[in-house]
Amino acid sequence: MFYAVFAICWIWVSEIPLHLLHLTDVQMFYVSALKGTLFVAITMVGLYVGLNRMVKRINSIQTAHEAELRGSEEQLRLFIEHAPAALAMFDREMRYLRVSNRWLDDYGISGRNVIGLCHYDVFPEIPERWKEAHRRGMASEVVRKNNDKFERADGLVQWVRWEILPWQDRTGRNGGILIFTEDTTAQHQVQAQLKQLQEEFHEAQKMEAIGRLTGGIAHDFNNLLTVIMAQSELLQRSSLDERALKRANSIHHASLRAADLTRQLLAFSRKQVLQPSVQNIGEIVAGLTDMLERILGEDIHLEISGGRNLWPVLVDRSQIEQVIMNLVVNARDAMPHGGKLKVKTCNVHVDDEVFLDDVTLHSGNYVQLSVTDTGSGMSQDIREKIFEPFFTTKPHGKGTGLGLATVFGIVKQSGGVVSVETEVAKGTCFRVYLPHNQINAIPAIAEFSEPYPTNGFHCTVLLVDDEVELCSVLAEYLESAGHLVLRANSIPAALEIAGQHKDDIDVLVTDMVLAEGNGRQLKSYLGSRGCKARSVFISGYTDEVIADHGSLEPDTLFLQKPFEKAALLKKVWQAYHEQ
């Protein structure tokens, strides 16, 4: 537009002076030619200047665009390489175009230049299902999966969350795919551990519920068993015909089996009463050798070995004997066609915490008791359930499923731990760790030699139990041995009797759980009234007996219900002679 205006102005303005000069035709010709030449020259200069400025401006714009493009590419490179996620861009041949450092780290190829390499050459173990996902991405489909397992060629197993996105080139065609992955192996492991903890928590709740149920019914059930056992025993001593005596014997035998079952339940729930004393585990094992050989039979070779100078442990000897017996019986049942059983004891020092399967062995000194067999072993599924009450692999009616649960309960209540190593068809090893006790030796409760010295031994017994029938049958036990029995079914009644006969009472036999209090309180009340009789505590409800420590004081005389007549008479004799 500017050029057109300039040209018109040039033509018309330059013609006016020429007409005023009245030039000849020849002069006019030369002047017009000169004017045209000058116009062309001015035009050329103008065009040159304009075009030059235009070129410079274009170059400047292009340079700015290139710089901006380079900046964008650098930002993209930095973004991809340093992104806190695993990213990789591929062309249609699955060759690497861009890759993040996180991708290189997650897949173990840090420091390797993979740009231009085919993804399938870098990871030849890529499964076909992933290749199919890549092909779907090349077809412009978005593909993703939240939790996928990737088994690498080096044996490493990873869990990943991935997503495949197609990208387009300048022509609008699909130029390849962008793969985003996140290594979720750690989260997967945490979730697996959380699931295991939840299962263990539910298992613990189940065990606690069973334990509470066991403790809750123990009192009434053991009272009933004591009555049944006592009445059947008294019937056996009566004048009965052979048929009636056989029935009485059967009743008594059944009550003994029921009592054993109750003790196993209490041991499992860690609610049985312990009477601990300082013991040598090696001596306990040695004392059981003959019995163990009879249990195992001729097809199983028993080998017993033990370290010298075993550290003393504070345990209930009878309970540890039960642990050994149960482990040996369990091993015998795992070797129906014979084999070898090794029982070993040794001292073990632990510097730092040791994790044994699902138990933890804290630092300290322990005495280890191991029972190893060459039997059938156990699968992992069975291994996880062996300490559950009532779980058994034996045929119906052949086992209660309480043997190993009892072992676990006794060891736990004794302050120890038990671990298991097993392999199918290669045998099983149970290891019991009992803590070394460094306190002064606590003597075992004194016992007397047999036969029981009944001749000339008679005393006055204050018998207290709020179960009338049980109190009656226990009184009959004592009276049949010649003792004078003062009965009371409550604490107030016992205090009233004691007020009348406080100087005559030799022994107090009382239930631990009474309607108005407990046996310890009754003993204290009697002591404050001047009655110094030695006490024998009886109970089937162990929580009131063991208090907060899980065991009785070493000098406490205690009978766990149900019990037989001889056990009661022994405790009364012991109480009378230890005053």
Protein backbone atom coordinates (compact mmCIF):
# COMPACT_ATOMS: atom_id res chain seq x y z
CA MET A 1 0.00 0.00 0.00
CA PHE A 2 2.81 2.33 0.96
CA TYR A 3 4.66 1.45 -2.25
CA ALA A 4 1.57 2.26 -4.42
CA VAL A 5 1.05 5.66 -2.79
CA PHE A 6 4.74 6.47 -3.19
CA ALA A 7 4.70 5.49 -6.90
CA ILE A 8 1.61 7.60 -7.71
CA CYS A 9 2.99 10.56 -5.86
CA TRP A 10 6.29 10.23 -7.67
CA ILE A 11 4.69 10.10 -11.07
CA TRP A 12 2.36 13.07 -10.64
CA VAL A 13 4.61 15.30 -8.56
CA SER A 14 7.66 14.79 -10.84
CA GLU A 15 5.68 15.60 -14.01
CA ILE A 16 4.65 19.08 -12.88
CA PRO A 17 8.19 20.63 -12.86
CA LEU A 18 8.93 19.04 -16.25
CA HIS A 19 6.02 20.79 -17.92
CA LEU A 20 7.06 24.11 -16.42
CA LEU A 21 10.59 23.80 -17.92
CA HIS A 22 9.26 23.51 -21.52
CA LEU A 23 11.86 20.92 -22.49
CA THR A 24 12.30 19.56 -25.97
CA ASP A 25 11.28 16.07 -26.78
CA VAL A 26 14.84 14.82 -26.63
CA GLN A 27 15.43 16.51 -23.30
CA MET A 28 12.13 15.21 -22.06
CA PHE A 29 13.13 11.69 -23.09
CA TYR A 30 16.38 11.83 -21.17
CA VAL A 31 14.78 13.43 -18.14
CA SER A 32 11.99 10.76 -18.08
CA ALA A 33 14.55 7.99 -18.42
CA LEU A 34 16.58 9.48 -15.61
CA LYS A 35 13.44 9.85 -13.52
CA GLY A 36 12.49 6.19 -14.10
CA THR A 37 15.99 5.02 -13.32
CA LEU A 38 15.99 7.01 -10.12
CA PHE A 39 12.56 5.56 -9.19
CA VAL A 40 13.83 2.04 -9.78
CA ALA A 41 16.94 2.71 -7.69
CA ILE A 42 14.93 4.18 -4.85
CA THR A 43 12.51 1.24 -5.11
CA MET A 44 15.37 -1.27 -5.02
CA VAL A 45 16.91 0.38 -1.99
CA GLY A 46 13.55 0.42 -0.24
CA LEU A 47 12.87 -3.18 -1.11
CA TYR A 48 16.33 -4.23 0.10
CA VAL A 49 15.97 -2.40 3.36
CA GLY A 50 12.46 -3.77 3.91
CA LEU A 51 13.30 -7.32 2.98
CA ASN A 52 16.44 -7.23 5.10
CA ARG A 53 14.46 -6.09 8.12
CA MET A 54 11.87 -8.77 7.42
CA VAL A 55 14.49 -11.49 7.17
CA LYS A 56 16.08 -10.37 10.41
CA ARG A 57 12.73 -10.40 12.11
CA ILE A 58 11.94 -13.86 10.79
CA ASN A 59 15.34 -15.09 11.91
CA SER A 60 14.80 -13.57 15.32
CA ILE A 61 11.41 -15.22 15.63
CA GLN A 62 12.80 -18.53 14.43
CA THR A 63 15.69 -18.29 16.88
CA ALA A 64 13.28 -17.53 19.70
CA HIS A 65 11.10 -20.49 18.68
CA GLU A 66 14.10 -22.77 18.50
CA ALA A 67 15.28 -21.60 21.90
CA GLU A 68 11.81 -22.10 23.29
CA LEU A 69 11.66 -25.54 21.69
CA ARG A 70 15.07 -26.43 23.10
CA GLY A 71 13.94 -25.18 26.49
CA SER A 72 10.76 -27.23 26.29
CA GLU A 73 12.72 -30.29 25.25
CA GLU A 74 15.16 -29.77 28.10
CA GLN A 75 12.29 -29.36 30.52
CA LEU A 76 10.67 -32.50 29.14
CA ARG A 77 13.97 -34.37 29.43
CA LEU A 78 14.51 -33.19 33.00
CA PHE A 79 10.89 -33.94 33.85
CA ILE A 80 11.05 -37.47 32.51
CA GLU A 81 14.54 -38.29 33.75
CA HIS A 82 14.00 -36.98 37.27
CA ALA A 83 10.32 -37.78 37.66
CA PRO A 84 9.61 -39.63 40.94
CA ALA A 85 7.96 -42.35 38.87
CA ALA A 86 9.08 -44.92 36.33
CA LEU A 87 8.39 -43.44 32.85
CA ALA A 88 9.53 -44.54 29.42
CA MET A 89 8.60 -43.38 25.90
CA PHE A 90 8.81 -45.79 22.99
CA ASP A 91 8.41 -45.53 19.22
CA ARG A 92 6.36 -47.95 17.21
CA GLU A 93 9.21 -50.46 17.21
CA MET A 94 9.34 -50.36 21.02
CA ARG A 95 12.67 -48.55 20.94
CA TYR A 96 13.44 -46.26 23.87
CA LEU A 97 13.03 -42.54 23.12
CA ARG A 98 12.95 -41.20 26.65
CA VAL A 99 13.39 -42.88 30.00
CA SER A 100 13.33 -41.73 33.63
CA ASN A 101 16.05 -42.47 36.15
CA ARG A 102 13.42 -44.06 38.37
CA TRP A 103 12.67 -46.55 35.59
CA LEU A 104 16.35 -47.44 35.36
CA ASP A 105 16.61 -47.83 39.14
CA ASP A 106 13.41 -49.82 39.58
CA TYR A 107 14.34 -52.35 36.94
CA GLY A 108 18.00 -52.68 37.82
CA ILE A 109 19.55 -51.06 34.73
CA SER A 110 20.98 -47.88 36.28
CA GLY A 111 23.92 -46.45 34.41
CA ARG A 112 22.95 -48.18 31.19
CA ASN A 113 22.17 -46.13 28.06
CA VAL A 114 19.04 -47.73 26.67
CA ILE A 115 18.00 -44.93 24.25
CA GLY A 116 17.50 -46.50 20.84
CA LEU A 117 17.44 -50.05 22.22
CA CYS A 118 14.40 -52.28 21.90
CA HIS A 119 12.56 -52.84 25.14
CA TYR A 120 12.33 -56.57 24.44
CA ASP A 121 16.10 -56.80 24.04
CA VAL A 122 16.66 -55.07 27.37
CA PHE A 123 14.09 -57.32 29.10
CA PRO A 124 13.82 -60.59 27.17
CA GLU A 125 11.69 -62.05 29.98
CA ILE A 126 8.79 -59.70 29.21
CA PRO A 127 5.67 -61.95 29.35
CA GLU A 128 3.43 -62.26 26.33
CA ARG A 129 0.50 -60.69 28.19
CA TRP A 130 2.52 -57.47 28.52
CA LYS A 131 3.48 -57.54 24.84
CA GLU A 132 -0.19 -57.84 24.01
CA ALA A 133 -0.86 -54.77 26.19
CA HIS A 134 1.87 -52.90 24.25
CA ARG A 135 0.20 -53.83 20.95
CA ARG A 136 -3.12 -52.56 22.25
CA GLY A 137 -1.42 -49.27 23.19
CA MET A 138 0.02 -48.99 19.67
CA ALA A 139 -3.58 -49.29 18.45
CA SER A 140 -4.42 -46.10 20.43
CA GLU A 141 -5.95 -47.91 23.40
CA VAL A 142 -5.25 -46.88 26.99
CA VAL A 143 -4.35 -49.97 29.05
CA ARG A 144 -3.73 -50.17 32.81
CA LYS A 145 -3.50 -52.63 35.70
CA ASN A 146 -3.20 -51.91 39.41
CA ASN A 147 -1.40 -54.95 40.79
CA ASP A 148 0.66 -57.15 38.50
CA LYS A 149 3.41 -59.65 39.21
CA PHE A 150 6.68 -59.41 37.28
CA GLU A 151 9.18 -62.27 37.55
CA ARG A 152 12.54 -61.12 36.26
CA ALA A 153 15.14 -63.32 34.60
CA ASP A 154 17.45 -62.94 37.62
CA GLY A 155 14.77 -64.50 39.86
CA LEU A 156 13.65 -61.25 41.47
CA VAL A 157 9.89 -60.93 41.85
CA GLN A 158 8.36 -57.47 41.65
CA TRP A 159 4.81 -56.20 41.94
CA VAL A 160 3.95 -53.23 39.74
CA ARG A 161 1.10 -50.92 38.87
CA TRP A 162 1.30 -49.84 35.23
CA GLU A 163 -0.44 -47.75 32.58
CA ILE A 164 0.10 -47.54 28.80
CA LEU A 165 -0.78 -44.33 26.92
CA PRO A 166 -0.47 -43.80 23.12
CA TRP A 167 1.19 -40.61 21.82
CA GLN A 168 0.79 -38.94 18.41
CA ASP A 169 3.36 -37.37 16.08
CA ARG A 170 2.93 -34.10 14.12
CA THR A 171 0.93 -35.81 11.44
CA GLY A 172 -1.62 -37.05 13.97
CA ARG A 173 -0.50 -40.67 13.62
CA ASN A 174 0.23 -42.84 16.63
CA GLY A 175 3.98 -42.46 17.13
CA GLY A 176 4.34 -45.04 19.92
CA ILE A 177 3.44 -45.49 23.56
CA LEU A 178 4.29 -44.00 26.92
CA ILE A 179 4.54 -46.49 29.78
CA PHE A 180 4.13 -45.45 33.39
CA THR A 181 4.91 -48.01 36.11
CA GLU A 182 5.08 -47.92 39.89
CA ASP A 183 6.95 -50.57 41.86
CA THR A 184 4.45 -51.66 44.51
CA THR A 185 6.55 -54.52 45.88
CA ALA A 186 7.04 -52.79 49.25
CA GLN A 187 3.33 -51.98 49.52
CA HIS A 188 2.47 -55.54 48.52
CA GLN A 189 4.76 -56.89 51.25
CA VAL A 190 3.27 -54.50 53.79
CA GLN A 191 -0.24 -55.59 52.79
CA ALA A 192 0.80 -59.24 53.06
CA GLN A 193 2.29 -58.59 56.50
CA LEU A 194 -0.82 -56.65 57.51
CA LYS A 195 -3.00 -59.55 56.37
CA GLN A 196 -0.85 -61.96 58.33
CA LEU A 197 -1.02 -59.74 61.41
CA GLN A 198 -4.79 -59.53 61.05
CA GLU A 199 -4.99 -63.31 60.81
CA GLU A 200 -2.73 -63.64 63.85
CA PHE A 201 -4.84 -61.08 65.70
CA HIS A 202 -8.04 -62.97 64.91
CA GLU A 203 -6.29 -66.18 65.92
CA ALA A 204 -5.20 -64.57 69.19
CA GLN A 205 -8.75 -63.39 69.79
CA LYS A 206 -10.00 -66.91 69.17
CA MET A 207 -7.41 -68.36 71.53
CA GLU A 208 -8.25 -65.76 74.17
CA ALA A 209 -11.95 -66.52 73.83
CA ILE A 210 -11.33 -70.23 74.25
CA GLY A 211 -9.04 -69.50 77.18
CA ARG A 212 -11.66 -67.36 78.89
CA LEU A 213 -14.29 -69.98 78.25
CA THR A 214 -11.99 -72.64 79.71
CA GLY A 215 -11.24 -70.62 82.82
CA GLY A 216 -14.88 -69.67 83.20
CA ILE A 217 -16.19 -73.22 83.25
CA ALA A 218 -13.26 -74.67 85.19
CA HIS A 219 -14.66 -73.88 88.63
CA ASP A 220 -18.07 -75.51 88.24
CA PHE A 221 -16.82 -78.33 86.04
CA ASN A 222 -13.99 -79.25 88.42
CA ASN A 223 -16.36 -79.13 91.38
CA LEU A 224 -18.64 -81.59 89.61
CA LEU A 225 -15.70 -83.80 88.67
CA THR A 226 -14.45 -83.80 92.24
CA VAL A 227 -17.84 -84.98 93.49
CA ILE A 228 -18.06 -87.67 90.78
CA MET A 229 -14.50 -88.80 91.46
CA ALA A 230 -15.01 -88.86 95.22
CA GLN A 231 -18.35 -90.67 95.11
CA SER A 232 -17.02 -93.28 92.70
CA GLU A 233 -13.95 -93.77 94.89
CA LEU A 234 -16.11 -94.17 97.99
CA LEU A 235 -18.27 -96.67 96.12
CA GLN A 236 -15.17 -98.66 95.25
CA ARG A 237 -14.41 -98.94 98.94
CA SER A 238 -17.96 -100.06 99.76
CA SER A 239 -19.29 -103.59 99.91
CA LEU A 240 -20.51 -104.05 96.37
CA ASP A 241 -21.10 -107.06 94.21
CA GLU A 242 -18.73 -107.63 91.33
CA ARG A 243 -21.04 -106.06 88.72
CA ALA A 244 -21.64 -102.89 90.76
CA LEU A 245 -17.94 -102.61 91.59
CA LYS A 246 -17.10 -102.81 87.90
CA ARG A 247 -19.49 -99.95 87.20
CA ALA A 248 -17.99 -97.87 90.02
CA ASN A 249 -14.53 -98.51 88.60
CA SER A 250 -15.72 -97.40 85.16
CA ILE A 251 -17.17 -94.19 86.59
CA HIS A 252 -13.94 -93.45 88.45
CA HIS A 253 -11.81 -94.13 85.38
CA ALA A 254 -13.99 -91.82 83.27
CA SER A 255 -13.70 -89.07 85.88
CA LEU A 256 -9.90 -89.40 85.81
CA ARG A 257 -9.90 -89.02 82.02
CA ALA A 258 -12.16 -85.99 82.29
CA ALA A 259 -9.79 -84.50 84.88
CA ASP A 260 -6.84 -84.98 82.53
CA LEU A 261 -8.78 -83.26 79.75
CA THR A 262 -9.58 -80.32 82.03
CA ARG A 263 -5.92 -79.98 83.01
CA GLN A 264 -4.96 -79.94 79.33
CA LEU A 265 -7.48 -77.18 78.62
CA LEU A 266 -6.16 -75.15 81.54
CA ALA A 267 -2.59 -75.68 80.37
CA PHE A 268 -3.46 -74.52 76.87
CA SER A 269 -5.14 -71.38 78.19
CA ARG A 270 -2.20 -70.81 80.57
CA LYS A 271 -4.56 -70.80 83.54
CA GLN A 272 -3.26 -73.85 85.37
CA VAL A 273 -1.60 -73.30 88.72
CA LEU A 274 2.17 -73.72 88.72
CA GLN A 275 4.14 -74.76 91.76
CA PRO A 276 7.64 -73.87 90.57
CA SER A 277 10.94 -74.94 92.03
CA VAL A 278 14.51 -74.81 90.78
CA GLN A 279 15.03 -77.82 88.53
CA ASN A 280 17.64 -79.39 86.29
CA ILE A 281 16.00 -80.24 82.95
CA GLY A 282 18.57 -82.97 82.27
CA GLU A 283 17.63 -84.73 85.49
CA ILE A 284 13.93 -84.51 84.63
CA VAL A 285 14.60 -86.13 81.23
CA ALA A 286 16.76 -88.82 82.81
CA GLY A 287 14.03 -89.62 85.32
CA LEU A 288 11.57 -90.20 82.48
CA THR A 289 13.84 -92.42 80.35
CA ASP A 290 12.29 -95.76 81.32
CA MET A 291 8.76 -94.48 80.81
CA LEU A 292 9.67 -92.92 77.45
CA GLU A 293 11.13 -96.20 76.20
CA ARG A 294 7.93 -98.03 77.13
CA ILE A 295 5.83 -95.42 75.34
CA LEU A 296 7.92 -95.56 72.15
CA GLY A 297 8.13 -99.33 71.85
CA GLU A 298 10.78 -101.43 70.11
CA ASP A 299 10.47 -99.91 66.62
CA ILE A 300 11.70 -96.47 67.68
CA HIS A 301 15.26 -95.95 68.85
CA LEU A 302 15.51 -93.41 71.68
CA GLU A 303 18.69 -91.39 72.02
CA ILE A 304 19.11 -89.04 74.98
CA SER A 305 21.99 -86.61 75.21
CA GLY A 306 22.61 -83.60 77.37
CA GLY A 307 25.15 -80.98 78.10
CA ARG A 308 26.92 -80.96 81.40
CA ASN A 309 26.32 -78.36 84.07
CA LEU A 310 22.95 -77.30 82.75
CA TRP A 311 21.75 -73.99 84.13
CA PRO A 312 18.93 -74.25 86.68
CA VAL A 313 15.45 -73.20 85.63
CA LEU A 314 12.44 -72.25 87.73
CA VAL A 315 9.63 -74.52 86.58
CA ASP A 316 6.88 -76.81 87.77
CA ARG A 317 8.47 -80.24 87.45
CA SER A 318 5.21 -82.08 86.79
CA GLN A 319 4.28 -79.62 84.04
CA ILE A 320 7.67 -79.96 82.32
CA GLU A 321 7.32 -83.74 82.52
CA GLN A 322 3.98 -83.34 80.76
CA VAL A 323 5.66 -81.21 78.05
CA ILE A 324 8.27 -83.92 77.45
CA MET A 325 5.68 -86.69 77.41
CA ASN A 326 3.43 -84.85 74.97
CA LEU A 327 6.30 -84.09 72.59
CA VAL A 328 7.49 -87.70 72.68
CA VAL A 329 3.99 -89.08 72.09
CA ASN A 330 3.55 -86.65 69.20
CA ALA A 331 6.86 -87.84 67.72
CA ARG A 332 5.88 -91.49 68.17
CA ASP A 333 2.63 -90.94 66.28
CA ALA A 334 4.62 -89.36 63.43
CA MET A 335 6.70 -92.58 63.11
CA PRO A 336 4.14 -95.41 62.78
CA HIS A 337 6.71 -97.62 61.04
CA GLY A 338 9.56 -96.89 63.43
CA GLY A 339 12.45 -94.48 63.37
CA LYS A 340 14.77 -92.53 65.61
CA LEU A 341 13.91 -90.06 68.35
CA LYS A 342 16.53 -87.80 69.87
CA VAL A 343 15.99 -85.86 73.09
CA LYS A 344 18.73 -83.34 73.81
CA THR A 345 19.34 -80.70 76.46
CA CYS A 346 21.92 -77.91 76.35
CA ASN A 347 22.67 -74.37 77.50
CA VAL A 348 22.09 -71.58 74.99
CA HIS A 349 23.30 -67.97 75.24
CA VAL A 350 21.56 -65.39 73.05
CA ASP A 351 23.32 -62.03 72.50
CA ASP A 352 20.65 -60.34 70.40
CA GLU A 353 17.03 -61.06 69.64
CA VAL A 354 16.55 -64.15 67.50
CA PHE A 355 13.41 -64.69 65.42
CA LEU A 356 12.33 -68.33 65.32
CA ASP A 357 9.43 -68.75 62.92
CA ASP A 358 6.65 -66.82 64.65
CA VAL A 359 8.30 -66.46 68.07
CA THR A 360 11.06 -64.18 69.34
CA LEU A 361 13.91 -65.31 71.58
CA HIS A 362 15.14 -62.32 73.57
CA SER A 363 18.75 -61.92 74.66
CA GLY A 364 19.75 -63.93 77.72
CA ASN A 365 20.60 -67.45 78.91
CA TYR A 366 18.33 -70.39 78.20
CA VAL A 367 18.22 -74.12 78.68
CA GLN A 368 17.15 -75.75 75.44
CA LEU A 369 15.18 -78.99 75.30
CA SER A 370 14.90 -80.41 71.78
CA VAL A 371 12.86 -83.41 70.63
CA THR A 372 13.75 -84.52 67.09
CA ASP A 373 12.12 -87.33 65.14
CA THR A 374 12.60 -88.91 61.73
CA GLY A 375 8.89 -89.10 61.06
CA SER A 376 6.54 -87.86 58.38
CA GLY A 377 7.06 -84.15 59.03
CA MET A 378 4.43 -81.51 58.40
CA SER A 379 3.36 -79.27 55.55
CA GLN A 380 3.36 -75.51 56.09
CA ASP A 381 -0.44 -75.43 56.38
CA ILE A 382 -0.39 -77.98 59.19
CA ARG A 383 2.64 -76.33 60.80
CA GLU A 384 0.70 -73.09 61.20
CA LYS A 385 -2.11 -74.82 63.12
CA ILE A 386 -0.35 -77.34 65.36
CA PHE A 387 -0.64 -75.26 68.54
CA GLU A 388 -4.34 -74.57 68.05
CA PRO A 389 -6.56 -76.38 70.54
CA PHE A 390 -8.54 -79.31 69.13
CA PHE A 391 -6.56 -79.30 65.87
CA THR A 392 -5.39 -82.80 65.04
CA THR A 393 -4.41 -84.79 61.97
CA LYS A 394 -5.36 -88.05 63.64
CA PRO A 395 -8.55 -89.94 62.72
CA HIS A 396 -11.72 -89.01 64.54
CA GLY A 397 -11.70 -90.34 68.06
CA LYS A 398 -7.93 -90.96 68.09
CA GLY A 399 -6.81 -87.65 69.53
CA THR A 400 -8.13 -84.59 71.36
CA GLY A 401 -5.93 -82.07 69.58
CA LEU A 402 -4.73 -80.71 72.93
CA GLY A 403 -1.26 -82.27 73.21
CA LEU A 404 0.75 -79.54 71.47
CA ALA A 405 -1.62 -76.81 72.64
CA THR A 406 -0.83 -77.97 76.16
CA VAL A 407 2.91 -77.86 75.44
CA PHE A 408 2.58 -74.32 74.14
CA GLY A 409 0.57 -73.18 77.17
CA ILE A 410 2.89 -74.71 79.77
CA VAL A 411 6.06 -73.37 78.12
CA LYS A 412 4.55 -69.92 77.70
CA GLN A 413 3.37 -69.75 81.29
CA SER A 414 6.82 -70.91 82.44
CA GLY A 415 8.36 -67.89 80.71
CA GLY A 416 9.78 -69.81 77.76
CA VAL A 417 9.15 -70.20 74.05
CA VAL A 418 8.77 -73.19 71.74
CA SER A 419 9.77 -73.32 68.07
CA VAL A 420 9.28 -75.92 65.35
CA GLU A 421 11.37 -76.99 62.39
CA THR A 422 9.75 -79.50 60.07
CA GLU A 423 9.88 -80.82 56.52
CA VAL A 424 7.58 -83.29 54.86
CA ALA A 425 9.02 -86.83 54.88
CA LYS A 426 12.15 -85.64 56.74
CA GLY A 427 10.96 -85.27 60.30
CA THR A 428 10.28 -82.60 62.90
CA CYS A 429 12.25 -80.89 65.64
CA PHE A 430 10.58 -79.13 68.57
CA ARG A 431 12.83 -76.83 70.59
CA VAL A 432 11.78 -75.56 74.01
CA TYR A 433 13.72 -72.63 75.49
CA LEU A 434 13.37 -72.09 79.24
CA PRO A 435 15.03 -69.03 80.84
CA HIS A 436 17.96 -69.57 83.19
CA ASN A 437 16.96 -68.52 86.69
CA GLN A 438 19.74 -67.01 88.80
CA ILE A 439 17.81 -66.37 92.01
CA ASN A 440 18.48 -68.40 95.10
CA ALA A 441 17.18 -71.92 94.85
CA ILE A 442 13.56 -72.33 95.87
CA PRO A 443 13.14 -75.79 97.33
CA ALA A 444 10.39 -77.98 96.01
CA ILE A 445 7.46 -78.49 98.35
CA ALA A 446 8.42 -81.25 100.74
CA GLU A 447 6.90 -84.65 100.19
CA PHE A 448 6.85 -87.62 102.49
CA SER A 449 7.78 -91.15 101.70
CA GLU A 450 5.20 -93.84 101.15
CA PRO A 451 3.36 -95.51 102.71
CA TYR A 452 1.16 -92.68 103.93
CA PRO A 453 1.50 -92.52 107.74
CA THR A 454 -2.10 -92.84 108.88
CA ASN A 455 -1.50 -94.72 112.10
CA GLY A 456 -1.91 -92.43 115.06
CA PHE A 457 -2.37 -89.30 112.91
CA HIS A 458 -5.63 -87.53 113.62
CA CYS A 459 -6.31 -83.82 113.58
CA THR A 460 -9.11 -81.28 113.51
CA VAL A 461 -9.84 -79.82 110.08
CA LEU A 462 -11.89 -76.73 109.33
CA LEU A 463 -13.35 -77.49 105.88
CA VAL A 464 -14.81 -74.52 103.97
CA ASP A 465 -16.52 -74.79 100.57
CA ASP A 466 -19.71 -73.09 99.40
CA GLU A 467 -20.65 -76.15 97.30
CA VAL A 468 -22.65 -78.16 99.84
CA GLU A 469 -22.40 -81.50 98.05
CA LEU A 470 -18.66 -81.10 97.47
CA CYS A 471 -18.11 -80.07 101.07
CA SER A 472 -20.00 -83.16 102.21
CA VAL A 473 -17.99 -85.61 100.13
CA LEU A 474 -14.66 -84.02 101.11
CA ALA A 475 -15.69 -84.28 104.77
CA GLU A 476 -16.38 -87.96 104.23
CA TYR A 477 -12.89 -88.33 102.75
CA LEU A 478 -11.34 -86.79 105.87
CA GLU A 479 -13.59 -88.48 108.40
CA SER A 480 -12.86 -91.90 106.86
CA ALA A 481 -9.21 -91.27 107.75
CA GLY A 482 -10.09 -90.49 111.36
CA HIS A 483 -9.96 -86.70 111.26
CA LEU A 484 -12.47 -84.47 113.03
CA VAL A 485 -14.11 -82.21 110.44
CA LEU A 486 -15.77 -78.86 111.14
CA ARG A 487 -17.80 -77.89 108.05
CA ALA A 488 -18.65 -74.40 106.81
CA ASN A 489 -20.27 -73.31 103.56
CA SER A 490 -19.40 -69.62 103.81
CA ILE A 491 -16.83 -67.25 105.28
CA PRO A 492 -19.16 -65.98 108.05
CA ALA A 493 -19.95 -69.57 109.05
CA ALA A 494 -16.23 -70.42 109.08
CA LEU A 495 -15.46 -67.41 111.28
CA GLU A 496 -18.22 -68.36 113.67
CA ILE A 497 -16.87 -71.92 113.97
CA ALA A 498 -13.33 -70.62 114.39
CA GLY A 499 -14.48 -68.35 117.19
CA GLN A 500 -15.72 -71.41 119.08
CA HIS A 501 -12.83 -73.78 118.26
CA LYS A 502 -9.87 -71.55 117.38
CA ASP A 503 -7.51 -73.44 119.70
CA ASP A 504 -8.66 -76.84 118.41
CA ILE A 505 -8.30 -76.28 114.65
CA ASP A 506 -5.12 -77.85 113.27
CA VAL A 507 -5.59 -77.46 109.51
CA LEU A 508 -7.74 -75.18 107.35
CA VAL A 509 -8.91 -76.69 104.03
CA THR A 510 -10.66 -74.03 102.00
CA ASP A 511 -11.81 -73.39 98.48
CA MET A 512 -10.11 -70.37 96.92
CA VAL A 513 -13.34 -68.99 95.45
CA LEU A 514 -16.08 -68.29 97.95
CA ALA A 515 -19.22 -66.22 97.68
CA GLU A 516 -18.04 -63.59 100.20
CA GLY A 517 -14.37 -63.48 99.20
CA ASN A 518 -11.53 -65.93 98.70
CA GLY A 519 -9.42 -68.41 100.62
CA ARG A 520 -6.55 -66.00 101.21
CA GLN A 521 -8.88 -63.51 102.84
CA LEU A 522 -10.39 -66.22 105.02
CA LYS A 523 -6.91 -67.25 106.18
CA SER A 524 -6.15 -63.63 107.05
CA TYR A 525 -9.44 -63.24 108.96
CA LEU A 526 -8.72 -66.38 110.98
CA GLY A 527 -5.18 -65.26 111.72
CA SER A 528 -6.44 -61.95 113.06
CA ARG A 529 -8.71 -63.91 115.43
CA GLY A 530 -5.86 -66.00 116.82
CA CYS A 531 -6.29 -69.12 114.67
CA LYS A 532 -2.84 -70.07 113.36
CA ALA A 533 -3.78 -73.26 111.51
CA ARG A 534 -1.80 -74.07 108.38
CA SER A 535 -3.92 -73.77 105.21
CA VAL A 536 -4.52 -76.07 102.26
CA PHE A 537 -6.10 -74.25 99.32
CA ILE A 538 -8.25 -76.08 96.80
CA SER A 539 -9.72 -74.66 93.61
CA GLY A 540 -10.80 -75.36 90.10
CA TYR A 541 -10.91 -71.68 89.17
CA THR A 542 -7.29 -70.77 88.70
CA ASP A 543 -7.44 -67.01 88.07
CA GLU A 544 -8.14 -66.37 91.76
CA VAL A 545 -5.24 -68.59 92.79
CA ILE A 546 -2.42 -67.47 90.53
CA ALA A 547 -3.20 -63.75 90.95
CA ASP A 548 -0.88 -61.66 88.77
CA HIS A 549 2.15 -63.93 88.55
CA GLY A 550 0.88 -67.22 87.16
CA SER A 551 2.25 -69.26 90.06
CA LEU A 552 1.90 -69.83 93.78
CA GLU A 553 4.33 -68.87 96.48
CA PRO A 554 6.75 -71.77 96.98
CA ASP A 555 5.43 -72.68 100.45
CA THR A 556 1.74 -72.66 99.49
CA LEU A 557 -0.11 -75.95 99.82
CA PHE A 558 -2.51 -76.22 96.92
CA LEU A 559 -4.73 -78.88 95.36
CA GLN A 560 -6.13 -78.44 91.88
CA LYS A 561 -9.64 -79.83 91.51
CA PRO A 562 -10.49 -82.54 90.78
CA PHE A 563 -8.36 -84.68 93.08
CA GLU A 564 -8.53 -88.08 94.76
CA LYS A 565 -8.74 -88.91 98.44
CA ALA A 566 -5.06 -89.78 98.81
CA ALA A 567 -4.00 -86.35 97.46
CA LEU A 568 -6.17 -84.54 100.01
CA LEU A 569 -4.96 -86.65 102.93
CA LYS A 570 -1.33 -86.05 101.93
CA LYS A 571 -1.81 -82.29 101.88
CA VAL A 572 -3.50 -82.36 105.29
CA TRP A 573 -0.64 -84.45 106.70
CA GLN A 574 1.87 -82.05 105.18
CA ALA A 575 0.08 -78.98 106.56
CA TYR A 576 -0.10 -80.52 110.03
CA HIS A 577 3.58 -81.50 110.19
CA GLU A 578 4.98 -78.27 108.68
CA GLN A 579 3.37 -75.93 111.22
